[in-house]
Amino acid sequence: MWANVLYLFLVFAFTTARHPEVSTVRQNLPDINPAEFKSEYWYNEAKAGIEKRRRSDPDQNVAKNLVLFMGDGMSVPTLAAARTLKGQLAGNTGEEEELFFEGFLGVGLVKTYCVNHQIADSACTATAYLCGVKNNYGTTGVTAAVARRDCNASLVEANRVQSIAEWALADGRDVGIVTTTRVTHASPSGTYAKSADRHWENDAEVLSDSQDPERCIDVARQLVYMNPGKQFKVILGGGRREFIPESMIDEEGTPGRRTDGRNLINDWQQDKIDRKLSHAYVWNAEQLRSQFESPPEYLLGLFEGTHMNYTLEANNDTEPTLEEMTELAIRMLSRNKKGFFLFVEGGRIDHAHHDNYVHLALDETLEFEKAVKKATELLPEDNSLIVVTADHSHVIAFNGYTVRGTPIVGISDEIDSDRMRFMTLSYTNGPGARKQVDGIRDDIREDSDFGQLRWRSHADVPLVDETHGGDDVAVFARGPHYRLFTGLYEQSQIPHLMAYAACIGPGLQAEGCNGANTVHVTAILIVITTAVKILFL
């Protein structure tokens, strides 16, 4: 009996876990277009999309600097709720408020599905918006010809794809990544990793899937030892445990997870010493802030053993904000006269949604907004393209007929058919689901932690973790060629559009790319106008 109970529990836990392995074998479904398994299909799809829209794009400036801001799980309802919370925190009704980046003139929607999944995870989407190719759920930096955990297929060169970070490096620009998750997590790994499984963040995870970590190199080791990761000038986020051996405890008491005995933090530093490059490793906010005045050429910052804490729960002395990390990254990368590519992720929006912690999800969105605003203050609009988007949505519902100005994280004015109250923001599934007695929901107001940060907003379908949603996510663009980001298009067009504006990469490039990449038409016109004035004085 108990064996059966344990079995059912394990089955339930496995099938409802965050980013579960889900069977894609279904009967009577149409076949996927086999062309989608090759990178050329998505390159051509992006080319056609650019050709269609560039006719209405008169911009001749070149994007010297590229910044891609990605709010993980930042769905359209999340945006609407976050802007309302922002307004209410300022003492207003809130609904009329606007997030800073919502004021960007380039606004569009992208489709987020994977090649083999209707609803995506953060690995296949990272491959889309960073590498310009759609692939399979759970895989990063490889085409859809690679099934999840297929080590051999991931080593075939034709199945490995380059990211926009690699395109920027090939052009002589600098690259950095900033995240509030582990720097080896699915989203940031899209800039540098080629992996048949997003969970292969350390060698132990590769071994757990009966694969050889000397053939399929784990994600952390790829970042430190291999190109393009070893060329990144800035790496800031969490995830110390993936870099140190299991025999070691990090600065804050988290044990390492590596079984190969490597200390990749030391190896990263030794590589810079061997190449006589100025560098620094920092693990807390005070150390990071000390780098502002005279930053090194290379900076590695790992501020937690795993993901960084939610901002509302973080220790400001040990963890920097996303805004601070973004500012330092831009100041460092801006030293390259050719320009740079920077990836910035507000990663914990997603985690809060998975746990049905709606207040924390909205606050992380507002922290993400601060980082975007800081970037616009530091970078001129005429030569810096800033794109803000999300990887996928979540199943948060903004519902009921609540009176305007009612607290967005509060109770709706409506009642259900059994005269029970419900929240204006709830979820269609997740750990916040309550038991029903005779079909009637519990009174959520009687929860002992009701209204606290980690109180779970109620959900319909009970799951260990709330799931992603399959709806479109928004894109906001400011800077050269921002008009190209309007309309509805495949998520995999995003890096191609950015590369087009920056005159990098293997795809189409803007007409203004003729000649030196960083010479802007506006600057040329100023020079010509000045010369004419001098001649006729």
Protein backbone atom coordinates (compact mmCIF):
# COMPACT_ATOMS: atom_id res chain seq x y z
CA MET A 1 0.00 0.00 0.00
CA TRP A 2 2.65 2.53 1.07
CA ALA A 3 4.71 1.67 -1.99
CA ASN A 4 1.74 2.54 -4.18
CA VAL A 5 1.20 5.80 -2.32
CA LEU A 6 4.88 6.71 -2.72
CA TYR A 7 4.74 5.86 -6.40
CA LEU A 8 1.69 8.04 -6.99
CA PHE A 9 3.32 10.90 -5.06
CA LEU A 10 6.49 10.67 -7.14
CA VAL A 11 4.50 10.55 -10.35
CA PHE A 12 2.49 13.59 -9.27
CA ALA A 13 5.59 15.53 -8.21
CA PHE A 14 7.43 14.68 -11.41
CA THR A 15 4.61 15.50 -13.78
CA THR A 16 3.80 18.77 -12.08
CA ALA A 17 7.32 20.05 -11.42
CA ARG A 18 8.59 23.33 -12.86
CA HIS A 19 9.55 22.89 -16.53
CA PRO A 20 8.60 19.16 -16.53
CA GLU A 21 9.61 16.66 -19.16
CA VAL A 22 6.39 16.22 -21.10
CA SER A 23 5.77 13.58 -23.73
CA THR A 24 5.30 15.03 -27.21
CA VAL A 25 4.16 11.75 -28.73
CA ARG A 26 0.50 12.19 -29.59
CA GLN A 27 -1.66 10.41 -32.11
CA ASN A 28 -3.51 12.00 -35.01
CA LEU A 29 -1.50 15.22 -34.94
CA PRO A 30 -0.19 16.84 -38.12
CA ASP A 31 3.53 16.43 -38.77
CA ILE A 32 5.85 19.33 -37.97
CA ASN A 33 7.36 20.88 -41.07
CA PRO A 34 10.77 19.13 -41.32
CA ALA A 35 12.35 22.35 -42.62
CA GLU A 36 11.94 23.84 -39.13
CA PHE A 37 14.63 21.47 -37.86
CA LYS A 38 17.30 23.49 -39.69
CA SER A 39 18.60 26.94 -38.86
CA GLU A 40 18.26 28.04 -42.50
CA TYR A 41 14.49 27.90 -42.25
CA TRP A 42 14.42 30.44 -39.43
CA TYR A 43 17.09 32.64 -41.01
CA ASN A 44 15.01 32.82 -44.19
CA GLU A 45 11.83 33.44 -42.20
CA ALA A 46 13.51 36.37 -40.46
CA LYS A 47 14.87 37.70 -43.73
CA ALA A 48 11.37 37.73 -45.21
CA GLY A 49 10.03 39.52 -42.14
CA ILE A 50 12.70 42.21 -42.36
CA GLU A 51 12.14 42.65 -46.10
CA LYS A 52 8.42 43.17 -45.48
CA ARG A 53 8.86 45.82 -42.80
CA ARG A 54 11.98 47.70 -43.81
CA ARG A 55 10.16 49.46 -46.64
CA SER A 56 8.43 51.57 -43.99
CA ASP A 57 11.63 52.19 -42.03
CA PRO A 58 13.33 55.44 -43.09
CA ASP A 59 15.98 55.28 -40.35
CA GLN A 60 19.58 55.47 -41.59
CA ASN A 61 21.35 55.39 -38.23
CA VAL A 62 23.43 52.42 -37.15
CA ALA A 63 23.07 50.83 -33.73
CA LYS A 64 26.53 50.93 -32.19
CA ASN A 65 25.23 49.57 -28.88
CA LEU A 66 22.63 46.83 -28.43
CA VAL A 67 20.84 46.08 -25.17
CA LEU A 68 18.28 43.29 -24.94
CA PHE A 69 16.20 43.45 -21.75
CA MET A 70 14.24 40.27 -21.08
CA GLY A 71 11.64 40.03 -18.34
CA ASP A 72 11.30 36.30 -17.78
CA GLY A 73 7.60 35.45 -17.74
CA MET A 74 6.61 39.12 -18.11
CA SER A 75 3.24 38.53 -19.74
CA VAL A 76 0.90 41.29 -20.94
CA PRO A 77 -1.35 40.89 -17.84
CA THR A 78 1.82 41.17 -15.72
CA LEU A 79 2.61 44.49 -17.40
CA ALA A 80 -0.90 45.80 -16.85
CA ALA A 81 -0.91 44.78 -13.19
CA ALA A 82 2.62 46.09 -12.56
CA ARG A 83 1.87 49.50 -14.01
CA THR A 84 -1.23 49.68 -11.81
CA LEU A 85 0.81 48.78 -8.74
CA LYS A 86 3.37 51.43 -9.68
CA GLY A 87 0.66 54.09 -9.82
CA GLN A 88 -0.90 52.96 -6.57
CA LEU A 89 2.45 53.02 -4.77
CA ALA A 90 2.65 56.68 -5.85
CA GLY A 91 -0.74 57.38 -4.26
CA ASN A 92 -2.79 57.36 -7.45
CA THR A 93 -5.60 55.15 -8.72
CA GLY A 94 -2.95 53.34 -10.76
CA GLU A 95 -4.68 52.11 -13.89
CA GLU A 96 -3.64 55.22 -15.80
CA GLU A 97 0.07 54.68 -15.05
CA GLU A 98 2.68 53.59 -17.59
CA LEU A 99 5.83 51.56 -17.20
CA PHE A 100 8.79 53.50 -18.54
CA PHE A 101 9.51 51.20 -21.48
CA GLU A 102 5.83 51.10 -22.45
CA GLY A 103 6.47 54.60 -23.79
CA PHE A 104 8.87 53.29 -26.45
CA LEU A 105 7.49 53.94 -29.93
CA GLY A 106 8.35 50.55 -31.37
CA VAL A 107 5.75 48.11 -29.99
CA GLY A 108 4.97 44.62 -31.26
CA LEU A 109 3.98 41.09 -30.33
CA VAL A 110 5.90 37.85 -30.79
CA LYS A 111 4.85 34.19 -30.97
CA THR A 112 6.65 32.09 -28.38
CA TYR A 113 6.04 28.42 -29.22
CA CYS A 114 8.94 25.92 -29.54
CA VAL A 115 9.31 23.67 -32.57
CA ASN A 116 7.95 20.71 -30.59
CA HIS A 117 5.89 22.46 -27.90
CA GLN A 118 2.84 24.68 -28.06
CA ILE A 119 3.83 26.33 -24.78
CA ALA A 120 7.50 27.17 -24.37
CA ASP A 121 10.12 27.07 -21.66
CA SER A 122 12.95 29.55 -21.13
CA ALA A 123 15.55 27.48 -23.01
CA CYS A 124 13.88 27.18 -26.39
CA THR A 125 12.77 30.81 -26.19
CA ALA A 126 16.32 31.94 -25.34
CA THR A 127 17.53 30.17 -28.46
CA ALA A 128 14.88 32.04 -30.43
CA TYR A 129 15.41 35.61 -29.18
CA LEU A 130 19.21 35.29 -28.86
CA CYS A 131 20.17 32.92 -31.70
CA GLY A 132 17.40 33.61 -34.18
CA VAL A 133 16.41 29.94 -34.47
CA LYS A 134 13.49 28.07 -32.91
CA ASN A 135 14.26 24.68 -31.40
CA ASN A 136 12.98 22.07 -28.93
CA TYR A 137 11.72 22.53 -25.41
CA GLY A 138 14.54 22.26 -22.85
CA THR A 139 17.44 22.71 -25.28
CA THR A 140 19.71 25.72 -25.73
CA GLY A 141 21.89 26.95 -28.59
CA VAL A 142 21.10 24.03 -30.88
CA THR A 143 18.58 23.44 -33.65
CA ALA A 144 15.44 21.33 -33.42
CA ALA A 145 17.44 18.46 -34.93
CA VAL A 146 18.65 17.94 -31.34
CA ALA A 147 16.21 16.14 -29.07
CA ARG A 148 16.42 16.87 -25.37
CA ARG A 149 19.37 15.07 -23.74
CA ASP A 150 20.72 13.87 -27.11
CA CYS A 151 24.38 14.57 -26.44
CA ASN A 152 25.61 13.15 -29.76
CA ALA A 153 23.27 15.27 -31.86
CA SER A 154 24.27 18.42 -29.98
CA LEU A 155 27.91 17.91 -31.01
CA VAL A 156 27.14 17.96 -34.73
CA GLU A 157 28.36 21.32 -35.99
CA ALA A 158 25.38 21.82 -38.30
CA ASN A 159 23.08 21.53 -35.28
CA ARG A 160 24.85 24.24 -33.26
CA VAL A 161 23.83 27.87 -33.68
CA GLN A 162 25.48 31.19 -32.93
CA SER A 163 23.96 33.91 -30.77
CA ILE A 164 23.84 37.63 -31.36
CA ALA A 165 26.55 37.85 -28.67
CA GLU A 166 28.83 35.89 -30.99
CA TRP A 167 27.91 38.10 -33.93
CA ALA A 168 28.84 41.16 -31.86
CA LEU A 169 32.18 39.66 -30.78
CA ALA A 170 33.02 38.79 -34.39
CA ASP A 171 32.59 42.47 -35.22
CA GLY A 172 34.99 43.54 -32.47
CA ARG A 173 32.34 44.65 -29.98
CA ASP A 174 32.23 43.72 -26.32
CA VAL A 175 29.59 41.55 -24.65
CA GLY A 176 28.11 41.25 -21.17
CA ILE A 177 25.32 39.39 -19.40
CA VAL A 178 23.37 40.50 -16.31
CA THR A 179 20.67 38.45 -14.61
CA THR A 180 18.92 37.93 -11.28
CA THR A 181 18.95 34.16 -11.87
CA ARG A 182 21.95 31.86 -11.98
CA VAL A 183 24.23 32.99 -14.83
CA THR A 184 24.06 29.38 -16.04
CA HIS A 185 20.27 29.35 -16.09
CA ALA A 186 18.29 28.87 -19.29
CA SER A 187 17.89 32.49 -20.36
CA PRO A 188 21.44 33.85 -20.00
CA SER A 189 22.92 30.57 -21.25
CA GLY A 190 21.36 31.31 -24.62
CA THR A 191 24.12 33.84 -25.24
CA TYR A 192 26.93 31.28 -25.02
CA ALA A 193 25.89 27.65 -24.42
CA LYS A 194 25.22 24.76 -26.79
CA SER A 195 23.43 22.18 -24.70
CA ALA A 196 20.98 19.34 -25.25
CA ASP A 197 19.52 19.97 -21.81
CA ARG A 198 19.07 23.26 -19.97
CA HIS A 199 19.64 21.47 -16.65
CA TRP A 200 23.22 20.53 -17.50
CA GLU A 201 24.50 23.54 -15.54
CA ASN A 202 27.27 21.49 -13.87
CA ASP A 203 29.02 18.20 -14.57
CA ALA A 204 26.96 16.31 -11.98
CA GLU A 205 23.78 17.08 -13.92
CA VAL A 206 25.33 15.75 -17.13
CA LEU A 207 26.34 12.56 -15.33
CA SER A 208 22.86 12.17 -13.84
CA ASP A 209 21.53 11.76 -17.39
CA SER A 210 24.16 9.07 -18.10
CA GLN A 211 26.12 11.36 -20.40
CA ASP A 212 29.85 12.03 -20.58
CA PRO A 213 30.68 15.53 -19.22
CA GLU A 214 33.94 15.49 -21.19
CA ARG A 215 31.95 15.27 -24.42
CA CYS A 216 28.88 17.31 -23.54
CA ILE A 217 30.48 20.09 -21.53
CA ASP A 218 28.28 21.53 -18.78
CA VAL A 219 26.99 25.08 -19.10
CA ALA A 220 29.18 26.63 -16.36
CA ARG A 221 32.31 25.14 -17.87
CA GLN A 222 31.31 26.39 -21.32
CA LEU A 223 31.02 29.91 -19.90
CA VAL A 224 34.49 29.85 -18.33
CA TYR A 225 36.53 27.74 -20.76
CA MET A 226 34.94 28.11 -24.17
CA ASN A 227 34.09 30.79 -26.68
CA PRO A 228 32.11 32.95 -26.66
CA GLY A 229 31.65 32.88 -22.87
CA LYS A 230 35.30 33.32 -21.97
CA GLN A 231 35.30 36.55 -24.02
CA PHE A 232 32.43 38.17 -22.09
CA LYS A 233 33.65 41.31 -20.35
CA VAL A 234 30.83 41.34 -17.78
CA ILE A 235 29.09 38.38 -16.10
CA LEU A 236 26.78 39.33 -13.22
CA GLY A 237 24.12 37.29 -11.44
CA GLY A 238 23.74 34.29 -9.16
CA GLY A 239 24.78 30.65 -9.26
CA ARG A 240 28.06 30.17 -7.37
CA ARG A 241 27.16 26.54 -6.66
CA GLU A 242 27.56 25.60 -10.34
CA PHE A 243 31.18 26.82 -10.35
CA ILE A 244 32.64 25.19 -7.25
CA PRO A 245 33.24 21.56 -6.16
CA GLU A 246 30.86 19.77 -3.85
CA SER A 247 33.63 19.64 -1.24
CA MET A 248 33.59 23.45 -1.01
CA ILE A 249 31.22 25.86 0.76
CA ASP A 250 30.83 29.31 -0.78
CA GLU A 251 31.01 32.68 0.98
CA GLU A 252 27.44 32.43 2.24
CA GLY A 253 27.30 28.76 3.18
CA THR A 254 26.04 27.16 -0.04
CA PRO A 255 27.80 23.91 -1.00
CA GLY A 256 29.11 23.47 -4.51
CA ARG A 257 27.61 20.99 -6.95
CA ARG A 258 30.57 20.04 -9.13
CA THR A 259 31.92 16.50 -8.93
CA ASP A 260 34.95 17.07 -11.18
CA GLY A 261 36.88 18.96 -8.48
CA ARG A 262 37.09 22.10 -10.58
CA ASN A 263 36.78 25.57 -9.07
CA LEU A 264 35.68 27.53 -12.10
CA ILE A 265 35.79 30.86 -10.27
CA ASN A 266 39.51 30.36 -9.69
CA ASP A 267 39.93 29.11 -13.25
CA TRP A 268 38.21 32.23 -14.62
CA GLN A 269 40.59 34.42 -12.64
CA GLN A 270 43.65 32.40 -13.65
CA ASP A 271 42.73 32.73 -17.32
CA LYS A 272 42.74 36.51 -16.97
CA ILE A 273 46.06 36.44 -15.09
CA ASP A 274 47.61 34.27 -17.79
CA ARG A 275 46.43 36.71 -20.46
CA LYS A 276 47.56 39.71 -18.39
CA LEU A 277 44.06 41.18 -18.31
CA SER A 278 42.71 43.36 -15.51
CA HIS A 279 39.88 41.59 -13.78
CA ALA A 280 37.88 41.23 -10.58
CA TYR A 281 35.65 38.64 -8.96
CA VAL A 282 32.99 40.00 -6.57
CA TRP A 283 30.38 38.18 -4.53
CA ASN A 284 28.51 40.94 -2.69
CA ALA A 285 27.00 44.35 -3.33
CA GLU A 286 29.69 46.30 -1.50
CA GLN A 287 32.40 44.75 -3.64
CA LEU A 288 30.41 45.47 -6.81
CA ARG A 289 29.88 49.10 -5.85
CA SER A 290 33.60 49.48 -5.23
CA GLN A 291 34.18 48.77 -8.94
CA PHE A 292 32.23 51.78 -10.20
CA GLU A 293 35.04 54.28 -9.89
CA SER A 294 37.68 52.27 -11.74
CA PRO A 295 36.23 49.03 -13.15
CA PRO A 296 38.50 46.30 -14.55
CA GLU A 297 38.45 45.02 -18.10
CA TYR A 298 36.72 41.79 -17.02
CA LEU A 299 34.24 41.41 -14.17
CA LEU A 300 32.65 38.28 -12.73
CA GLY A 301 30.02 38.78 -10.04
CA LEU A 302 28.18 35.87 -8.42
CA PHE A 303 25.96 37.13 -5.63
CA GLU A 304 24.16 33.98 -4.47
CA GLY A 305 24.69 30.25 -4.38
CA THR A 306 21.63 29.87 -6.59
CA HIS A 307 19.27 32.58 -7.86
CA MET A 308 19.45 36.05 -6.36
CA ASN A 309 16.80 36.87 -3.77
CA TYR A 310 13.60 38.73 -4.54
CA THR A 311 14.30 42.43 -4.18
CA LEU A 312 11.71 42.88 -1.42
CA GLU A 313 13.44 40.14 0.60
CA ALA A 314 17.07 40.85 -0.30
CA ASN A 315 19.84 42.18 1.93
CA ASN A 316 20.95 45.39 0.26
CA ASP A 317 24.44 45.00 1.73
CA THR A 318 25.06 41.67 0.03
CA GLU A 319 22.95 41.78 -3.12
CA PRO A 320 23.05 44.57 -5.70
CA THR A 321 19.95 45.60 -7.58
CA LEU A 322 19.37 44.83 -11.24
CA GLU A 323 19.65 48.56 -11.88
CA GLU A 324 23.11 48.72 -10.27
CA MET A 325 24.39 45.72 -12.19
CA THR A 326 23.04 47.13 -15.45
CA GLU A 327 24.65 50.51 -14.88
CA LEU A 328 28.09 49.09 -14.16
CA ALA A 329 27.85 46.74 -17.13
CA ILE A 330 27.02 49.62 -19.50
CA ARG A 331 29.79 51.81 -18.10
CA MET A 332 32.32 48.99 -18.63
CA LEU A 333 31.15 47.95 -22.09
CA SER A 334 30.91 51.55 -23.32
CA ARG A 335 34.71 51.77 -23.30
CA ASN A 336 34.77 49.83 -26.57
CA LYS A 337 34.58 52.42 -29.37
CA LYS A 338 33.01 49.88 -31.72
CA GLY A 339 30.12 49.28 -29.34
CA PHE A 340 28.67 46.35 -27.45
CA PHE A 341 25.88 43.84 -26.89
CA LEU A 342 24.40 43.48 -23.41
CA PHE A 343 21.80 40.97 -22.26
CA VAL A 344 19.87 41.88 -19.10
CA GLU A 345 17.34 39.51 -17.52
CA GLY A 346 14.80 40.20 -14.81
CA GLY A 347 14.58 36.51 -14.11
CA ARG A 348 12.67 36.27 -10.88
CA ILE A 349 9.39 37.57 -12.29
CA ASP A 350 9.03 34.06 -13.64
CA HIS A 351 9.85 32.32 -10.36
CA ALA A 352 7.34 34.35 -8.38
CA HIS A 353 4.61 33.51 -10.88
CA HIS A 354 5.47 29.81 -10.68
CA ASP A 355 4.86 29.98 -6.93
CA ASN A 356 1.70 32.12 -7.28
CA TYR A 357 3.45 34.98 -5.42
CA VAL A 358 1.78 37.72 -7.39
CA HIS A 359 3.01 40.68 -5.30
CA LEU A 360 6.63 39.55 -5.65
CA ALA A 361 6.20 39.05 -9.40
CA LEU A 362 4.90 42.60 -9.83
CA ASP A 363 7.65 44.11 -7.69
CA GLU A 364 10.31 42.28 -9.70
CA THR A 365 8.74 43.79 -12.82
CA LEU A 366 9.07 47.27 -11.33
CA GLU A 367 12.72 46.57 -10.48
CA PHE A 368 13.22 45.47 -14.07
CA GLU A 369 11.71 48.76 -15.23
CA LYS A 370 14.29 50.71 -13.19
CA ALA A 371 17.10 48.93 -14.98
CA VAL A 372 15.64 49.80 -18.39
CA LYS A 373 15.27 53.44 -17.40
CA LYS A 374 18.88 53.58 -16.20
CA ALA A 375 20.07 52.23 -19.54
CA THR A 376 18.22 54.95 -21.45
CA GLU A 377 19.84 57.59 -19.23
CA LEU A 378 23.30 56.24 -20.04
CA LEU A 379 22.93 55.56 -23.76
CA PRO A 380 22.10 58.03 -26.56
CA GLU A 381 19.00 57.17 -28.53
CA ASP A 382 20.54 57.83 -31.95
CA ASN A 383 23.16 55.07 -31.73
CA SER A 384 21.87 52.64 -29.09
CA LEU A 385 19.07 50.18 -29.73
CA ILE A 386 17.27 49.03 -26.59
CA VAL A 387 14.77 46.19 -26.93
CA VAL A 388 12.53 45.07 -24.05
CA THR A 389 10.59 41.84 -24.21
CA ALA A 390 9.64 38.62 -22.41
CA ASP A 391 10.37 35.00 -23.23
CA HIS A 392 6.92 33.59 -22.51
CA SER A 393 3.77 34.40 -20.59
CA HIS A 394 2.22 33.01 -17.40
CA VAL A 395 -1.31 31.99 -16.56
CA ILE A 396 -2.08 34.95 -14.34
CA ALA A 397 -5.64 36.26 -14.71
CA PHE A 398 -6.60 39.93 -14.27
CA ASN A 399 -10.30 39.39 -13.60
CA GLY A 400 -13.57 40.54 -12.08
CA TYR A 401 -15.28 43.94 -12.22
CA THR A 402 -13.34 45.72 -9.52
CA VAL A 403 -13.84 49.47 -8.96
CA ARG A 404 -11.02 51.63 -10.27
CA GLY A 405 -8.30 52.37 -7.73
CA THR A 406 -8.89 49.22 -5.69
CA PRO A 407 -5.52 47.74 -4.59
CA ILE A 408 -4.29 45.61 -7.49
CA VAL A 409 -2.99 42.89 -5.14
CA GLY A 410 -6.24 42.94 -3.17
CA ILE A 411 -9.68 41.36 -3.25
CA SER A 412 -12.05 41.88 -6.15
CA ASP A 413 -15.36 43.66 -5.58
CA GLU A 414 -17.03 40.63 -7.12
CA ILE A 415 -18.10 37.44 -5.35
CA ASP A 416 -18.46 33.99 -6.85
CA SER A 417 -21.66 31.97 -7.19
CA ASP A 418 -21.26 30.72 -3.61
CA ARG A 419 -20.76 34.28 -2.31
CA MET A 420 -17.05 33.69 -1.73
CA ARG A 421 -14.54 36.48 -2.38
CA PHE A 422 -11.69 36.17 -4.88
CA MET A 423 -8.62 38.17 -5.84
CA THR A 424 -8.41 40.59 -8.74
CA LEU A 425 -5.22 38.75 -9.71
CA SER A 426 -5.37 34.97 -9.61
CA TYR A 427 -3.96 32.02 -11.55
CA THR A 428 -5.49 29.27 -13.63
CA ASN A 429 -3.13 26.72 -12.03
CA GLY A 430 -0.40 26.35 -9.43
CA PRO A 431 0.31 25.72 -5.73
CA GLY A 432 -2.24 28.33 -4.66
CA ALA A 433 -5.16 26.02 -5.44
CA ARG A 434 -7.43 25.45 -2.40
CA LYS A 435 -9.45 22.43 -1.48
CA GLN A 436 -13.16 22.73 -1.98
CA VAL A 437 -15.78 21.40 0.41
CA ASP A 438 -19.02 20.44 -1.35
CA GLY A 439 -17.79 22.41 -4.35
CA ILE A 440 -17.31 25.62 -2.38
CA ARG A 441 -13.92 27.31 -2.18
CA ASP A 442 -12.23 28.22 1.08
CA ASP A 443 -12.53 31.81 2.28
CA ILE A 444 -9.06 33.09 1.34
CA ARG A 445 -9.34 35.92 3.88
CA GLU A 446 -9.08 33.35 6.66
CA ASP A 447 -5.56 32.25 5.64
CA SER A 448 -3.13 32.97 8.46
CA ASP A 449 -0.69 34.65 6.04
CA PHE A 450 -3.29 36.46 3.93
CA GLY A 451 -1.86 39.65 2.43
CA GLN A 452 1.77 38.80 3.13
CA LEU A 453 4.43 38.74 0.39
CA ARG A 454 4.53 34.97 0.18
CA TRP A 455 0.80 34.45 0.45
CA ARG A 456 -0.20 32.48 -2.63
CA SER A 457 -2.93 33.94 -4.75
CA HIS A 458 -5.60 31.33 -5.39
CA ALA A 459 -5.50 29.07 -8.42
CA ASP A 460 -7.92 26.71 -10.14
CA VAL A 461 -5.92 23.60 -11.11
CA PRO A 462 -3.63 22.27 -8.35
CA LEU A 463 0.00 21.92 -9.44
CA VAL A 464 3.33 21.98 -7.59
CA ASP A 465 4.34 24.88 -9.86
CA GLU A 466 2.21 27.19 -11.97
CA THR A 467 2.84 26.80 -15.69
CA HIS A 468 3.81 29.12 -18.48
CA GLY A 469 1.19 30.40 -20.88
CA GLY A 470 1.16 30.09 -24.65
CA ASP A 471 -0.05 33.60 -25.51
CA ASP A 472 2.03 36.22 -27.29
CA VAL A 473 4.37 38.53 -25.40
CA ALA A 474 5.11 42.18 -26.05
CA VAL A 475 8.21 43.79 -27.54
CA PHE A 476 9.20 47.43 -26.99
CA ALA A 477 12.01 49.11 -28.95
CA ARG A 478 13.83 52.45 -28.78
CA GLY A 479 16.70 53.62 -30.97
CA PRO A 480 17.85 52.97 -34.55
CA HIS A 481 15.31 51.07 -36.65
CA TYR A 482 12.79 50.76 -33.80
CA ARG A 483 9.97 50.67 -36.37
CA LEU A 484 11.02 47.19 -37.44
CA PHE A 485 9.84 45.79 -34.11
CA THR A 486 6.17 46.60 -34.72
CA GLY A 487 3.54 44.08 -35.76
CA LEU A 488 3.20 40.38 -34.97
CA TYR A 489 6.10 38.07 -35.79
CA GLU A 490 8.11 35.04 -34.72
CA GLN A 491 10.21 35.45 -31.58
CA SER A 492 13.22 34.23 -33.55
CA GLN A 493 13.19 37.44 -35.61
CA ILE A 494 14.32 39.54 -32.64
CA PRO A 495 18.11 38.98 -32.88
CA HIS A 496 18.01 39.30 -36.66
CA LEU A 497 16.24 42.65 -36.34
CA MET A 498 18.80 43.85 -33.81
CA ALA A 499 21.68 42.62 -35.98
CA TYR A 500 20.14 44.36 -38.99
CA ALA A 501 20.17 47.66 -37.11
CA ALA A 502 23.75 47.10 -35.89
CA CYS A 503 25.33 45.90 -39.15
CA ILE A 504 26.42 42.58 -37.67
CA GLY A 505 25.55 38.94 -38.13
CA PRO A 506 24.92 36.70 -41.14
CA GLY A 507 21.54 38.11 -42.17
CA LEU A 508 20.26 41.24 -43.86
CA GLN A 509 21.82 44.52 -42.86
CA ALA A 510 20.44 48.05 -43.06
CA GLU A 511 21.25 50.36 -45.95
CA GLY A 512 23.12 52.63 -43.54
CA CYS A 513 25.67 49.85 -43.01
CA ASN A 514 27.64 50.80 -46.10
CA GLY A 515 31.11 51.75 -44.87
CA ALA A 516 32.11 51.90 -41.21
CA ASN A 517 29.59 50.38 -38.82
CA THR A 518 29.54 53.17 -36.31
CA VAL A 519 29.34 56.21 -38.59
CA HIS A 520 25.82 57.62 -38.39
CA VAL A 521 24.03 59.49 -41.14
CA THR A 522 23.02 62.19 -38.67
CA ALA A 523 26.67 62.78 -37.77
CA ILE A 524 27.61 62.99 -41.46
CA LEU A 525 24.87 65.54 -42.10
CA ILE A 526 26.12 67.68 -39.22
CA VAL A 527 29.65 67.65 -40.66
CA ILE A 528 28.43 68.56 -44.15
CA THR A 529 26.19 71.35 -42.82
CA THR A 530 29.05 72.80 -40.79
CA ALA A 531 31.41 72.69 -43.78
CA VAL A 532 28.88 74.47 -46.00
CA LYS A 533 28.43 77.23 -43.43
CA ILE A 534 32.18 77.73 -43.24
CA LEU A 535 32.52 77.93 -47.03
CA PHE A 536 29.87 80.60 -47.33
CA LEU A 537 30.98 82.76 -44.40
